[in-house]
């Protein structure tokens, strides 16, 4: 399991973020990328310059965020 304090040390410059939208994506969407084993980055397409938040798979699950909704495997 990834230590949450080390998530922000991971290089995400090459991360491939994908969107999950519940409706029209005219106001922005949540984006998600796998950034390592048991590590995820959660961004906002409306604020592309904002630093994405980072989570472990367990933390994503606790927040009710399912990577499958983004077409990603957990």
C-alpha atoms as a PDB file:
ATOM      1  CA  UNK A   1       0.000   0.000   0.000  1.00  0.00           C
ATOM      2  CA  UNK A   2       1.232   3.460  -0.912  1.00  0.00           C
ATOM      3  CA  UNK A   3       2.037   5.818   1.968  1.00  0.00           C
ATOM      4  CA  UNK A   4      -0.174   8.888   1.505  1.00  0.00           C
ATOM      5  CA  UNK A   5       2.639  11.250   2.492  1.00  0.00           C
ATOM      6  CA  UNK A   6       4.719  10.068  -0.477  1.00  0.00           C
ATOM      7  CA  UNK A   7       2.006  10.490  -3.102  1.00  0.00           C
ATOM      8  CA  UNK A   8       3.042  14.082  -3.790  1.00  0.00           C
ATOM      9  CA  UNK A   9       6.633  12.976  -4.453  1.00  0.00           C
ATOM     10  CA  UNK A  10       5.491  10.941  -7.479  1.00  0.00           C
ATOM     11  CA  UNK A  11       6.161  12.495 -10.892  1.00  0.00           C
ATOM     12  CA  UNK A  12       2.851  12.999 -12.705  1.00  0.00           C
ATOM     13  CA  UNK A  13       4.195  14.933 -15.699  1.00  0.00           C
ATOM     14  CA  UNK A  14       3.409  12.018 -18.022  1.00  0.00           C
ATOM     15  CA  UNK A  15       0.117  11.015 -16.371  1.00  0.00           C
ATOM     16  CA  UNK A  16      -2.831  10.430 -18.671  1.00  0.00           C
ATOM     17  CA  UNK A  17      -5.941  12.007 -17.128  1.00  0.00           C
ATOM     18  CA  UNK A  18      -9.403  10.879 -18.238  1.00  0.00           C
ATOM     19  CA  UNK A  19     -12.785  12.514 -17.590  1.00  0.00           C
ATOM     20  CA  UNK A  20     -15.907  11.091 -16.027  1.00  0.00           C
ATOM     21  CA  UNK A  21     -19.030  13.144 -16.536  1.00  0.00           C
ATOM     22  CA  UNK A  22     -22.518  12.632 -15.214  1.00  0.00           C
ATOM     23  CA  UNK A  23     -23.944  14.941 -17.848  1.00  0.00           C
ATOM     24  CA  UNK A  24     -22.780  17.534 -20.336  1.00  0.00           C
ATOM     25  CA  UNK A  25     -19.184  18.529 -19.685  1.00  0.00           C
ATOM     26  CA  UNK A  26     -19.732  22.193 -20.401  1.00  0.00           C
ATOM     27  CA  UNK A  27     -18.862  23.324 -16.862  1.00  0.00           C
ATOM     28  CA  UNK A  28     -15.854  21.082 -16.290  1.00  0.00           C
ATOM     29  CA  UNK A  29     -15.355  17.552 -15.162  1.00  0.00           C
ATOM     30  CA  UNK A  30     -13.407  15.574 -12.659  1.00  0.00           C
ATOM     31  CA  UNK A  31     -10.324  13.925 -14.155  1.00  0.00           C
ATOM     32  CA  UNK A  32      -8.467  10.901 -12.819  1.00  0.00           C
ATOM     33  CA  UNK A  33      -5.110   9.316 -13.599  1.00  0.00           C
ATOM     34  CA  UNK A  34      -3.250   6.326 -12.219  1.00  0.00           C
ATOM     35  CA  UNK A  35       0.122   7.667 -11.124  1.00  0.00           C
ATOM     36  CA  UNK A  36       1.581   4.505  -9.633  1.00  0.00           C
ATOM     37  CA  UNK A  37       0.683   1.256  -7.976  1.00  0.00           C
ATOM     38  CA  UNK A  38      -2.147   2.103  -5.559  1.00  0.00           C
ATOM     39  CA  UNK A  39      -1.779   5.815  -6.396  1.00  0.00           C
ATOM     40  CA  UNK A  40      -4.158   8.207  -8.158  1.00  0.00           C
ATOM     41  CA  UNK A  41      -4.314  11.888  -9.073  1.00  0.00           C
ATOM     42  CA  UNK A  42      -7.687  13.642  -9.152  1.00  0.00           C
ATOM     43  CA  UNK A  43      -7.933  16.853 -11.135  1.00  0.00           C
ATOM     44  CA  UNK A  44     -10.436  19.396 -12.405  1.00  0.00           C
ATOM     45  CA  UNK A  45     -10.650  19.980 -16.162  1.00  0.00           C
ATOM     46  CA  UNK A  46     -12.023  23.459 -15.489  1.00  0.00           C
ATOM     47  CA  UNK A  47      -8.817  24.335 -13.603  1.00  0.00           C
ATOM     48  CA  UNK A  48      -6.070  22.560 -15.591  1.00  0.00           C
ATOM     49  CA  UNK A  49      -3.295  24.578 -13.921  1.00  0.00           C
ATOM     50  CA  UNK A  50      -4.374  23.564 -10.400  1.00  0.00           C
ATOM     51  CA  UNK A  51      -2.294  20.855  -8.728  1.00  0.00           C
ATOM     52  CA  UNK A  52      -4.291  17.575  -8.748  1.00  0.00           C
ATOM     53  CA  UNK A  53      -5.106  15.995  -5.412  1.00  0.00           C
ATOM     54  CA  UNK A  54      -3.544  12.577  -4.826  1.00  0.00           C
ATOM     55  CA  UNK A  55      -5.079   9.524  -3.227  1.00  0.00           C
ATOM     56  CA  UNK A  56      -4.453   5.861  -2.550  1.00  0.00           C
ATOM     57  CA  UNK A  57      -6.960   3.344  -3.919  1.00  0.00           C
ATOM     58  CA  UNK A  58      -8.309   2.878  -0.391  1.00  0.00           C
ATOM     59  CA  UNK A  59      -8.854   6.627  -0.038  1.00  0.00           C
ATOM     60  CA  UNK A  60     -10.621   6.820  -3.423  1.00  0.00           C
ATOM     61  CA  UNK A  61     -12.891   3.976  -2.343  1.00  0.00           C
ATOM     62  CA  UNK A  62     -13.662   5.699   0.974  1.00  0.00           C
ATOM     63  CA  UNK A  63     -14.598   8.850  -0.957  1.00  0.00           C
ATOM     64  CA  UNK A  64     -16.917   6.864  -3.251  1.00  0.00           C
ATOM     65  CA  UNK A  65     -14.793   7.461  -6.355  1.00  0.00           C
ATOM     66  CA  UNK A  66     -14.762   4.430  -8.647  1.00  0.00           C
ATOM     67  CA  UNK A  67     -11.946   4.372 -11.212  1.00  0.00           C
ATOM     68  CA  UNK A  68     -14.165   2.157 -13.411  1.00  0.00           C
ATOM     69  CA  UNK A  69     -16.394   5.194 -13.983  1.00  0.00           C
ATOM     70  CA  UNK A  70     -13.390   6.738 -15.714  1.00  0.00           C
ATOM     71  CA  UNK A  71     -12.693   3.566 -17.703  1.00  0.00           C
ATOM     72  CA  UNK A  72      -9.750   2.699 -15.436  1.00  0.00           C
ATOM     73  CA  UNK A  73      -9.015  -0.492 -13.501  1.00  0.00           C
ATOM     74  CA  UNK A  74      -8.419  -0.171  -9.768  1.00  0.00           C
END
